[in-house]
Amino acid sequence: MSASMRTLVRPAVLRTRKGRLVYWSVLTLSLVLFTVAFIVPLYWAATGAMKSSTELAQNPPTYVPESWHPENYTKAWREMDLSRYFLNTVVLAGGAWLVQLAVQIPAAYALSKLRPRFGNVVLGLMLVTLMMPATALLVPVYLTVVDVPLFNRNLINSPSAVWLPAAANAFNIYILKNFFDRIPDELLDAAKVDGAGPLTTMWRVVLPLARPIIAVVSILSIVTAWKDFLWPLLVLPDPARQPLSVFLQRVAQDTPLNSLVAGLVMASLPLVALFLVFQRHIIAGLSAGSLKG
């Protein structure tokens, strides 16, 4: 048996009655545990928002609401003015997504296919940032946003303060570069023979092949920007410009618990819907391997 075919359990053992019993028992138990770990918090939040404040705060808790109050969702939406903060969050997440694609795709393409002289050094320096705690970069990035070098502009309370730092994501550039490395150079050489320049080759040859990994990077970018809390809190002190994550924390002390939970559930729904709609693209991108020439 080749090394690529080796597994933790030999196929001969799996063919026995005992082996099949142990295999299916472990698989079923794992699936049940993972399902419970993911579903129970969602159920708890969704039903907790439909309880009264008294019932939600009581101890021991009720697993099924004694009285259902689905109107808590509409009440929270109306009284907390969530539409404004949803719009703020969409602007921040959408802008961060577009800026990241505009910066990261050309950067990964250049490092992979154009191969600049000090490309490996640049890639190594970017990967070093992945080894550093995110909190260690807060102060230097904040100082950069307060006084942007060369332009001498203060981006505080501007969406650009969220968009521009998001583009400096070494992880996304790295996974894009790894995918571009698997695209055969013969395809790019054929485009050059037809007179295509580097930008045309990237746009017409590389990007159509890279749609699965671009989908993964897009979803990671949107999810990260949507749920980010600390950075928008620092660079968007104006309450009218803050996203949902910051707004809900700011009003938590003065908001009924069931309304707050309803707001948290509604803030999470777009991300859940995004995953359900694009889960096939996520799996395809994560499992994307080499391309056939």
C-alpha atoms as a PDB file:
ATOM      1  CA  MET A   1       0.000   0.000   0.000  1.00  0.00           C
ATOM      2  CA  SER A   2       1.411   3.393  -0.991  1.00  0.00           C
ATOM      3  CA  ALA A   3       2.015   6.129   1.534  1.00  0.00           C
ATOM      4  CA  SER A   4      -0.766   8.246   0.010  1.00  0.00           C
ATOM      5  CA  MET A   5      -3.295   5.494   0.783  1.00  0.00           C
ATOM      6  CA  ARG A   6      -2.378   4.984   4.455  1.00  0.00           C
ATOM      7  CA  THR A   7      -5.042   5.758   7.035  1.00  0.00           C
ATOM      8  CA  LEU A   8      -5.350   5.517  10.811  1.00  0.00           C
ATOM      9  CA  VAL A   9      -7.376   2.318  10.463  1.00  0.00           C
ATOM     10  CA  ARG A  10      -6.535  -0.396   7.965  1.00  0.00           C
ATOM     11  CA  PRO A  11      -9.196  -1.124   5.330  1.00  0.00           C
ATOM     12  CA  ALA A  12      -9.113  -4.790   6.348  1.00  0.00           C
ATOM     13  CA  VAL A  13     -10.176  -3.817   9.873  1.00  0.00           C
ATOM     14  CA  LEU A  14     -13.023  -1.641   8.553  1.00  0.00           C
ATOM     15  CA  ARG A  15     -14.375  -4.590   6.610  1.00  0.00           C
ATOM     16  CA  THR A  16     -14.933  -6.594   9.789  1.00  0.00           C
ATOM     17  CA  ARG A  17     -18.201  -6.374  11.728  1.00  0.00           C
ATOM     18  CA  LYS A  18     -16.476  -4.969  14.798  1.00  0.00           C
ATOM     19  CA  GLY A  19     -14.554  -2.434  12.721  1.00  0.00           C
ATOM     20  CA  ARG A  20     -17.711  -1.169  11.013  1.00  0.00           C
ATOM     21  CA  LEU A  21     -19.509  -0.930  14.359  1.00  0.00           C
ATOM     22  CA  VAL A  22     -16.711   1.126  15.928  1.00  0.00           C
ATOM     23  CA  TYR A  23     -16.369   3.305  12.816  1.00  0.00           C
ATOM     24  CA  TRP A  24     -20.047   4.210  12.568  1.00  0.00           C
ATOM     25  CA  SER A  25     -20.353   4.674  16.329  1.00  0.00           C
ATOM     26  CA  VAL A  26     -17.452   7.147  16.426  1.00  0.00           C
ATOM     27  CA  LEU A  27     -18.690   8.935  13.292  1.00  0.00           C
ATOM     28  CA  THR A  28     -22.246   9.257  14.626  1.00  0.00           C
ATOM     29  CA  LEU A  29     -21.058  10.459  18.035  1.00  0.00           C
ATOM     30  CA  SER A  30     -18.784  13.063  16.431  1.00  0.00           C
ATOM     31  CA  LEU A  31     -21.541  14.354  14.172  1.00  0.00           C
ATOM     32  CA  VAL A  32     -23.995  14.587  17.070  1.00  0.00           C
ATOM     33  CA  LEU A  33     -21.503  16.449  19.279  1.00  0.00           C
ATOM     34  CA  PHE A  34     -20.553  18.923  16.558  1.00  0.00           C
ATOM     35  CA  THR A  35     -24.204  19.480  15.642  1.00  0.00           C
ATOM     36  CA  VAL A  36     -25.134  20.142  19.267  1.00  0.00           C
ATOM     37  CA  ALA A  37     -22.177  22.488  19.712  1.00  0.00           C
ATOM     38  CA  PHE A  38     -23.282  24.601  16.739  1.00  0.00           C
ATOM     39  CA  ILE A  39     -27.069  24.333  16.864  1.00  0.00           C
ATOM     40  CA  VAL A  40     -27.715  24.780  20.588  1.00  0.00           C
ATOM     41  CA  PRO A  41     -26.292  28.345  20.793  1.00  0.00           C
ATOM     42  CA  LEU A  42     -28.322  29.339  17.732  1.00  0.00           C
ATOM     43  CA  TYR A  43     -31.484  27.850  19.206  1.00  0.00           C
ATOM     44  CA  TRP A  44     -30.801  29.478  22.577  1.00  0.00           C
ATOM     45  CA  ALA A  45     -30.390  32.917  21.017  1.00  0.00           C
ATOM     46  CA  ALA A  46     -33.360  32.625  18.640  1.00  0.00           C
ATOM     47  CA  THR A  47     -35.771  31.441  21.340  1.00  0.00           C
ATOM     48  CA  GLY A  48     -34.297  33.686  24.042  1.00  0.00           C
ATOM     49  CA  ALA A  49     -35.211  36.730  21.985  1.00  0.00           C
ATOM     50  CA  MET A  50     -38.851  35.579  22.023  1.00  0.00           C
ATOM     51  CA  LYS A  51     -39.026  35.339  25.827  1.00  0.00           C
ATOM     52  CA  SER A  52     -40.023  38.087  28.199  1.00  0.00           C
ATOM     53  CA  SER A  53     -37.161  39.860  29.973  1.00  0.00           C
ATOM     54  CA  THR A  54     -38.157  38.255  33.278  1.00  0.00           C
ATOM     55  CA  GLU A  55     -38.206  34.737  31.849  1.00  0.00           C
ATOM     56  CA  LEU A  56     -34.926  35.253  29.997  1.00  0.00           C
ATOM     57  CA  ALA A  57     -33.167  36.354  33.191  1.00  0.00           C
ATOM     58  CA  GLN A  58     -34.594  33.695  35.508  1.00  0.00           C
ATOM     59  CA  ASN A  59     -32.465  30.900  36.971  1.00  0.00           C
ATOM     60  CA  PRO A  60     -32.713  28.000  36.180  1.00  0.00           C
ATOM     61  CA  PRO A  61     -33.451  28.944  32.575  1.00  0.00           C
ATOM     62  CA  THR A  62     -36.367  27.648  30.537  1.00  0.00           C
ATOM     63  CA  TYR A  63     -35.374  25.681  27.450  1.00  0.00           C
ATOM     64  CA  VAL A  64     -38.713  26.356  25.726  1.00  0.00           C
ATOM     65  CA  PRO A  65     -40.356  29.783  26.182  1.00  0.00           C
ATOM     66  CA  GLU A  66     -43.344  29.669  28.501  1.00  0.00           C
ATOM     67  CA  SER A  67     -44.930  32.450  26.439  1.00  0.00           C
ATOM     68  CA  TRP A  68     -43.820  33.324  22.930  1.00  0.00           C
ATOM     69  CA  HIS A  69     -43.169  36.940  21.966  1.00  0.00           C
ATOM     70  CA  PRO A  70     -42.020  37.008  18.300  1.00  0.00           C
ATOM     71  CA  GLU A  71     -42.907  40.699  18.230  1.00  0.00           C
ATOM     72  CA  ASN A  72     -39.684  41.303  20.192  1.00  0.00           C
ATOM     73  CA  TYR A  73     -37.810  41.206  16.883  1.00  0.00           C
ATOM     74  CA  THR A  74     -39.853  43.957  15.252  1.00  0.00           C
ATOM     75  CA  LYS A  75     -39.822  45.910  18.501  1.00  0.00           C
ATOM     76  CA  ALA A  76     -36.019  45.707  18.716  1.00  0.00           C
ATOM     77  CA  TRP A  77     -35.656  46.698  15.057  1.00  0.00           C
ATOM     78  CA  ARG A  78     -37.891  49.723  15.479  1.00  0.00           C
ATOM     79  CA  GLU A  79     -36.843  50.979  18.915  1.00  0.00           C
ATOM     80  CA  MET A  80     -33.108  50.416  18.448  1.00  0.00           C
ATOM     81  CA  ASP A  81     -33.112  51.918  14.931  1.00  0.00           C
ATOM     82  CA  LEU A  82     -31.191  48.923  13.648  1.00  0.00           C
ATOM     83  CA  SER A  83     -31.713  49.807   9.984  1.00  0.00           C
ATOM     84  CA  ARG A  84     -29.194  52.666  10.277  1.00  0.00           C
ATOM     85  CA  TYR A  85     -26.536  50.428  11.830  1.00  0.00           C
ATOM     86  CA  PHE A  86     -27.217  47.630   9.370  1.00  0.00           C
ATOM     87  CA  LEU A  87     -26.530  50.118   6.589  1.00  0.00           C
ATOM     88  CA  ASN A  88     -23.315  51.242   8.320  1.00  0.00           C
ATOM     89  CA  THR A  89     -22.195  47.632   8.596  1.00  0.00           C
ATOM     90  CA  VAL A  90     -23.005  46.881   4.948  1.00  0.00           C
ATOM     91  CA  VAL A  91     -20.994  49.930   3.829  1.00  0.00           C
ATOM     92  CA  LEU A  92     -18.001  48.957   5.970  1.00  0.00           C
ATOM     93  CA  ALA A  93     -18.068  45.258   5.042  1.00  0.00           C
ATOM     94  CA  GLY A  94     -18.760  45.872   1.356  1.00  0.00           C
ATOM     95  CA  GLY A  95     -16.062  48.512   1.037  1.00  0.00           C
ATOM     96  CA  ALA A  96     -13.528  46.372   2.886  1.00  0.00           C
ATOM     97  CA  TRP A  97     -14.334  43.468   0.569  1.00  0.00           C
ATOM     98  CA  LEU A  98     -13.862  45.511  -2.615  1.00  0.00           C
ATOM     99  CA  VAL A  99     -10.646  47.142  -1.386  1.00  0.00           C
ATOM    100  CA  GLN A 100      -9.222  43.782  -0.354  1.00  0.00           C
ATOM    101  CA  LEU A 101      -9.915  42.216  -3.749  1.00  0.00           C
ATOM    102  CA  ALA A 102      -8.473  45.256  -5.530  1.00  0.00           C
ATOM    103  CA  VAL A 103      -5.223  45.005  -3.544  1.00  0.00           C
ATOM    104  CA  GLN A 104      -4.787  41.326  -2.741  1.00  0.00           C
ATOM    105  CA  ILE A 105      -5.501  39.754  -6.131  1.00  0.00           C
ATOM    106  CA  PRO A 106      -2.894  41.841  -8.034  1.00  0.00           C
ATOM    107  CA  ALA A 107      -0.402  41.396  -5.178  1.00  0.00           C
ATOM    108  CA  ALA A 108      -0.811  37.620  -5.165  1.00  0.00           C
ATOM    109  CA  TYR A 109      -0.684  37.496  -8.969  1.00  0.00           C
ATOM    110  CA  ALA A 110       2.524  39.538  -9.038  1.00  0.00           C
ATOM    111  CA  LEU A 111       4.205  37.371  -6.406  1.00  0.00           C
ATOM    112  CA  SER A 112       3.117  34.164  -8.112  1.00  0.00           C
ATOM    113  CA  LYS A 113       3.465  34.821 -11.835  1.00  0.00           C
ATOM    114  CA  LEU A 114       5.443  38.025 -12.375  1.00  0.00           C
ATOM    115  CA  ARG A 115       8.069  36.961  -9.806  1.00  0.00           C
ATOM    116  CA  PRO A 116       9.678  40.310  -8.891  1.00  0.00           C
ATOM    117  CA  ARG A 117      13.301  40.260  -7.755  1.00  0.00           C
ATOM    118  CA  PHE A 118      12.590  40.584  -4.042  1.00  0.00           C
ATOM    119  CA  GLY A 119       9.228  38.822  -4.149  1.00  0.00           C
ATOM    120  CA  ASN A 120      10.206  36.132  -1.652  1.00  0.00           C
ATOM    121  CA  VAL A 121      11.449  38.768   0.777  1.00  0.00           C
ATOM    122  CA  VAL A 122       8.186  40.701   0.493  1.00  0.00           C
ATOM    123  CA  LEU A 123       6.165  37.524   0.974  1.00  0.00           C
ATOM    124  CA  GLY A 124       8.267  36.562   3.985  1.00  0.00           C
ATOM    125  CA  LEU A 125       7.753  39.975   5.591  1.00  0.00           C
ATOM    126  CA  MET A 126       4.006  39.689   5.043  1.00  0.00           C
ATOM    127  CA  LEU A 127       3.910  36.225   6.586  1.00  0.00           C
ATOM    128  CA  VAL A 128       5.786  37.525   9.635  1.00  0.00           C
ATOM    129  CA  THR A 129       2.730  39.634  10.436  1.00  0.00           C
ATOM    130  CA  LEU A 130       0.730  36.413  10.839  1.00  0.00           C
ATOM    131  CA  MET A 131       3.018  35.404  13.703  1.00  0.00           C
ATOM    132  CA  MET A 132       2.336  38.612  15.625  1.00  0.00           C
ATOM    133  CA  PRO A 133      -0.656  39.090  17.937  1.00  0.00           C
ATOM    134  CA  ALA A 134      -3.280  41.349  16.388  1.00  0.00           C
ATOM    135  CA  THR A 135      -3.210  43.589  19.452  1.00  0.00           C
ATOM    136  CA  ALA A 136       0.495  44.285  18.889  1.00  0.00           C
ATOM    137  CA  LEU A 137      -0.370  45.962  15.581  1.00  0.00           C
ATOM    138  CA  LEU A 138      -3.197  48.133  16.903  1.00  0.00           C
ATOM    139  CA  VAL A 139      -1.063  51.094  17.972  1.00  0.00           C
ATOM    140  CA  PRO A 140       1.085  51.403  14.803  1.00  0.00           C
ATOM    141  CA  VAL A 141      -1.926  50.923  12.525  1.00  0.00           C
ATOM    142  CA  TYR A 142      -3.939  53.461  14.532  1.00  0.00           C
ATOM    143  CA  LEU A 143      -1.122  56.022  14.312  1.00  0.00           C
ATOM    144  CA  THR A 144      -0.971  55.425  10.559  1.00  0.00           C
ATOM    145  CA  VAL A 145      -4.714  56.013  10.221  1.00  0.00           C
ATOM    146  CA  VAL A 146      -4.564  59.175  12.320  1.00  0.00           C
ATOM    147  CA  ASP A 147      -1.865  60.643  10.061  1.00  0.00           C
ATOM    148  CA  VAL A 148      -1.584  58.789   6.745  1.00  0.00           C
ATOM    149  CA  PRO A 149       2.027  58.990   5.498  1.00  0.00           C
ATOM    150  CA  LEU A 150       2.626  61.192   2.411  1.00  0.00           C
ATOM    151  CA  PHE A 151      -1.015  62.336   2.337  1.00  0.00           C
ATOM    152  CA  ASN A 152      -1.115  63.803   5.863  1.00  0.00           C
ATOM    153  CA  ARG A 153      -4.788  62.937   6.262  1.00  0.00           C
ATOM    154  CA  ASN A 154      -6.739  61.904   9.341  1.00  0.00           C
ATOM    155  CA  LEU A 155      -9.122  59.030   8.540  1.00  0.00           C
ATOM    156  CA  ILE A 156     -10.839  58.847  11.936  1.00  0.00           C
ATOM    157  CA  ASN A 157     -14.643  58.611  11.539  1.00  0.00           C
ATOM    158  CA  SER A 158     -14.180  57.725   7.868  1.00  0.00           C
ATOM    159  CA  PRO A 159     -14.999  54.301   6.351  1.00  0.00           C
ATOM    160  CA  SER A 160     -11.511  54.386   4.820  1.00  0.00           C
ATOM    161  CA  ALA A 161     -10.112  53.835   8.320  1.00  0.00           C
ATOM    162  CA  VAL A 162     -11.673  50.353   8.165  1.00  0.00           C
ATOM    163  CA  TRP A 163     -11.249  49.661   4.458  1.00  0.00           C
ATOM    164  CA  LEU A 164      -7.543  50.404   4.002  1.00  0.00           C
ATOM    165  CA  PRO A 165      -6.118  48.376   6.946  1.00  0.00           C
ATOM    166  CA  ALA A 166      -8.319  45.442   5.874  1.00  0.00           C
ATOM    167  CA  ALA A 167      -6.429  45.280   2.573  1.00  0.00           C
ATOM    168  CA  ALA A 168      -3.206  44.394   4.414  1.00  0.00           C
ATOM    169  CA  ASN A 169      -4.239  40.782   4.974  1.00  0.00           C
ATOM    170  CA  ALA A 170      -1.250  38.489   4.527  1.00  0.00           C
ATOM    171  CA  PHE A 171      -3.325  35.328   4.945  1.00  0.00           C
ATOM    172  CA  ASN A 172      -5.585  36.096   1.998  1.00  0.00           C
ATOM    173  CA  ILE A 173      -2.621  37.021  -0.203  1.00  0.00           C
ATOM    174  CA  TYR A 174      -0.900  33.797   0.759  1.00  0.00           C
ATOM    175  CA  ILE A 175      -3.807  31.511  -0.117  1.00  0.00           C
ATOM    176  CA  LEU A 176      -4.420  33.405  -3.360  1.00  0.00           C
ATOM    177  CA  LYS A 177      -0.753  33.058  -4.293  1.00  0.00           C
ATOM    178  CA  ASN A 178      -0.798  29.339  -3.554  1.00  0.00           C
ATOM    179  CA  PHE A 179      -3.761  28.916  -5.880  1.00  0.00           C
ATOM    180  CA  PHE A 180      -2.169  31.023  -8.632  1.00  0.00           C
ATOM    181  CA  ASP A 181       0.988  28.909  -8.332  1.00  0.00           C
ATOM    182  CA  ARG A 182      -1.050  25.887  -9.465  1.00  0.00           C
ATOM    183  CA  ILE A 183      -2.174  27.544 -12.690  1.00  0.00           C
ATOM    184  CA  PRO A 184       0.067  26.177 -15.488  1.00  0.00           C
ATOM    185  CA  ASP A 185       2.487  28.726 -16.879  1.00  0.00           C
ATOM    186  CA  GLU A 186       1.676  27.392 -20.360  1.00  0.00           C
ATOM    187  CA  LEU A 187      -1.702  29.151 -20.209  1.00  0.00           C
ATOM    188  CA  LEU A 188      -0.027  32.473 -19.467  1.00  0.00           C
ATOM    189  CA  ASP A 189       2.576  31.890 -22.180  1.00  0.00           C
ATOM    190  CA  ALA A 190      -0.204  31.262 -24.698  1.00  0.00           C
ATOM    191  CA  ALA A 191      -1.840  34.535 -23.711  1.00  0.00           C
ATOM    192  CA  LYS A 192       1.473  36.350 -24.175  1.00  0.00           C
ATOM    193  CA  VAL A 193       1.817  34.875 -27.663  1.00  0.00           C
ATOM    194  CA  ASP A 194      -1.613  36.313 -28.472  1.00  0.00           C
ATOM    195  CA  GLY A 195      -0.375  39.743 -27.374  1.00  0.00           C
ATOM    196  CA  ALA A 196      -1.929  39.933 -23.916  1.00  0.00           C
ATOM    197  CA  GLY A 197      -0.100  41.982 -21.318  1.00  0.00           C
ATOM    198  CA  PRO A 198       0.164  41.116 -17.601  1.00  0.00           C
ATOM    199  CA  LEU A 199      -3.080  42.891 -16.640  1.00  0.00           C
ATOM    200  CA  THR A 200      -5.036  41.360 -19.533  1.00  0.00           C
ATOM    201  CA  THR A 201      -3.684  37.926 -18.692  1.00  0.00           C
ATOM    202  CA  MET A 202      -4.691  38.320 -15.070  1.00  0.00           C
ATOM    203  CA  TRP A 203      -8.178  39.536 -15.984  1.00  0.00           C
ATOM    204  CA  ARG A 204      -8.990  37.108 -18.804  1.00  0.00           C
ATOM    205  CA  VAL A 205      -7.026  33.993 -17.895  1.00  0.00           C
ATOM    206  CA  VAL A 206      -6.214  33.882 -14.202  1.00  0.00           C
ATOM    207  CA  LEU A 207      -9.365  35.341 -12.615  1.00  0.00           C
ATOM    208  CA  PRO A 208     -11.856  33.031 -14.393  1.00  0.00           C
ATOM    209  CA  LEU A 209      -9.859  30.020 -13.178  1.00  0.00           C
ATOM    210  CA  ALA A 210      -9.583  31.458  -9.674  1.00  0.00           C
ATOM    211  CA  ARG A 211     -13.294  31.989  -9.025  1.00  0.00           C
ATOM    212  CA  PRO A 212     -13.497  29.295  -6.282  1.00  0.00           C
ATOM    213  CA  ILE A 213     -10.636  30.731  -4.225  1.00  0.00           C
ATOM    214  CA  ILE A 214     -11.835  34.306  -4.830  1.00  0.00           C
ATOM    215  CA  ALA A 215     -15.213  33.258  -3.431  1.00  0.00           C
ATOM    216  CA  VAL A 216     -13.498  31.915  -0.300  1.00  0.00           C
ATOM    217  CA  VAL A 217     -11.435  35.082   0.150  1.00  0.00           C
ATOM    218  CA  SER A 218     -14.538  37.209  -0.414  1.00  0.00           C
ATOM    219  CA  ILE A 219     -16.549  35.396   2.226  1.00  0.00           C
ATOM    220  CA  LEU A 220     -13.683  35.502   4.721  1.00  0.00           C
ATOM    221  CA  SER A 221     -13.289  39.232   4.095  1.00  0.00           C
ATOM    222  CA  ILE A 222     -16.988  40.001   4.507  1.00  0.00           C
ATOM    223  CA  VAL A 223     -17.374  37.883   7.637  1.00  0.00           C
ATOM    224  CA  THR A 224     -14.284  39.406   9.251  1.00  0.00           C
ATOM    225  CA  ALA A 225     -15.393  42.970   8.517  1.00  0.00           C
ATOM    226  CA  TRP A 226     -18.999  42.287   9.567  1.00  0.00           C
ATOM    227  CA  LYS A 227     -18.177  40.921  13.005  1.00  0.00           C
ATOM    228  CA  ASP A 228     -15.152  43.103  13.769  1.00  0.00           C
ATOM    229  CA  PHE A 229     -15.557  45.044  17.001  1.00  0.00           C
ATOM    230  CA  LEU A 230     -12.325  46.455  18.393  1.00  0.00           C
ATOM    231  CA  TRP A 231     -11.025  48.277  15.309  1.00  0.00           C
ATOM    232  CA  PRO A 232     -14.320  50.049  14.416  1.00  0.00           C
ATOM    233  CA  LEU A 233     -14.639  50.989  18.083  1.00  0.00           C
ATOM    234  CA  LEU A 234     -11.274  52.755  17.908  1.00  0.00           C
ATOM    235  CA  VAL A 235     -11.531  54.510  14.553  1.00  0.00           C
ATOM    236  CA  LEU A 236     -15.279  55.294  14.492  1.00  0.00           C
ATOM    237  CA  PRO A 237     -16.014  57.150  17.760  1.00  0.00           C
ATOM    238  CA  ASP A 238     -19.038  58.908  16.207  1.00  0.00           C
ATOM    239  CA  PRO A 239     -22.059  56.748  17.239  1.00  0.00           C
ATOM    240  CA  ALA A 240     -23.885  57.579  13.997  1.00  0.00           C
ATOM    241  CA  ARG A 241     -21.116  55.895  11.948  1.00  0.00           C
ATOM    242  CA  GLN A 242     -20.625  52.748  14.031  1.00  0.00           C
ATOM    243  CA  PRO A 243     -21.491  49.235  12.833  1.00  0.00           C
ATOM    244  CA  LEU A 244     -23.846  46.813  14.561  1.00  0.00           C
ATOM    245  CA  SER A 245     -21.143  45.109  16.607  1.00  0.00           C
ATOM    246  CA  VAL A 246     -20.125  48.383  18.284  1.00  0.00           C
ATOM    247  CA  PHE A 247     -23.638  49.790  18.574  1.00  0.00           C
ATOM    248  CA  LEU A 248     -25.072  46.726  20.320  1.00  0.00           C
ATOM    249  CA  GLN A 249     -22.259  46.753  22.871  1.00  0.00           C
ATOM    250  CA  ARG A 250     -22.719  50.482  23.465  1.00  0.00           C
ATOM    251  CA  VAL A 251     -26.437  50.212  24.239  1.00  0.00           C
ATOM    252  CA  ALA A 252     -26.274  46.880  26.094  1.00  0.00           C
ATOM    253  CA  GLN A 253     -26.521  48.449  29.558  1.00  0.00           C
ATOM    254  CA  ASP A 254     -29.694  50.411  28.774  1.00  0.00           C
ATOM    255  CA  THR A 255     -31.534  47.864  26.602  1.00  0.00           C
ATOM    256  CA  PRO A 256     -33.907  45.094  27.767  1.00  0.00           C
ATOM    257  CA  LEU A 257     -32.166  41.748  27.571  1.00  0.00           C
ATOM    258  CA  ASN A 258     -34.638  40.174  25.160  1.00  0.00           C
ATOM    259  CA  SER A 259     -34.385  43.152  22.784  1.00  0.00           C
ATOM    260  CA  LEU A 260     -30.600  42.978  22.926  1.00  0.00           C
ATOM    261  CA  VAL A 261     -30.626  39.248  22.124  1.00  0.00           C
ATOM    262  CA  ALA A 262     -33.050  39.912  19.253  1.00  0.00           C
ATOM    263  CA  GLY A 263     -30.638  42.519  17.900  1.00  0.00           C
ATOM    264  CA  LEU A 264     -27.748  40.066  18.135  1.00  0.00           C
ATOM    265  CA  VAL A 265     -29.734  37.398  16.293  1.00  0.00           C
ATOM    266  CA  MET A 266     -30.686  39.790  13.491  1.00  0.00           C
ATOM    267  CA  ALA A 267     -27.070  40.964  13.239  1.00  0.00           C
ATOM    268  CA  SER A 268     -25.984  37.333  12.752  1.00  0.00           C
ATOM    269  CA  LEU A 269     -28.610  36.392  10.156  1.00  0.00           C
ATOM    270  CA  PRO A 270     -26.794  37.900   7.114  1.00  0.00           C
ATOM    271  CA  LEU A 271     -23.671  35.854   7.880  1.00  0.00           C
ATOM    272  CA  VAL A 272     -25.681  32.643   8.307  1.00  0.00           C
ATOM    273  CA  ALA A 273     -27.514  33.335   5.044  1.00  0.00           C
ATOM    274  CA  LEU A 274     -24.218  34.111   3.288  1.00  0.00           C
ATOM    275  CA  PHE A 275     -22.780  30.766   4.331  1.00  0.00           C
ATOM    276  CA  LEU A 276     -25.903  28.798   3.368  1.00  0.00           C
ATOM    277  CA  VAL A 277     -26.041  30.413  -0.076  1.00  0.00           C
ATOM    278  CA  PHE A 278     -22.343  30.109  -0.884  1.00  0.00           C
ATOM    279  CA  GLN A 279     -21.388  26.970   1.038  1.00  0.00           C
ATOM    280  CA  ARG A 280     -20.781  25.078  -2.199  1.00  0.00           C
ATOM    281  CA  HIS A 281     -18.353  27.751  -3.380  1.00  0.00           C
ATOM    282  CA  ILE A 282     -16.594  27.706   0.000  1.00  0.00           C
ATOM    283  CA  ILE A 283     -16.084  23.944  -0.129  1.00  0.00           C
ATOM    284  CA  ALA A 284     -14.987  24.099  -3.771  1.00  0.00           C
ATOM    285  CA  GLY A 285     -12.449  26.819  -2.995  1.00  0.00           C
ATOM    286  CA  LEU A 286     -11.035  25.135   0.086  1.00  0.00           C
ATOM    287  CA  SER A 287     -10.694  21.807  -1.722  1.00  0.00           C
ATOM    288  CA  ALA A 288      -9.335  23.307  -4.932  1.00  0.00           C
ATOM    289  CA  GLY A 289      -6.229  21.436  -5.923  1.00  0.00           C
ATOM    290  CA  SER A 290      -4.010  21.400  -8.955  1.00  0.00           C
ATOM    291  CA  LEU A 291      -5.388  22.295 -12.375  1.00  0.00           C
ATOM    292  CA  LYS A 292      -5.039  20.024 -15.321  1.00  0.00           C
ATOM    293  CA  GLY A 293      -3.062  21.405 -18.165  1.00  0.00           C
END
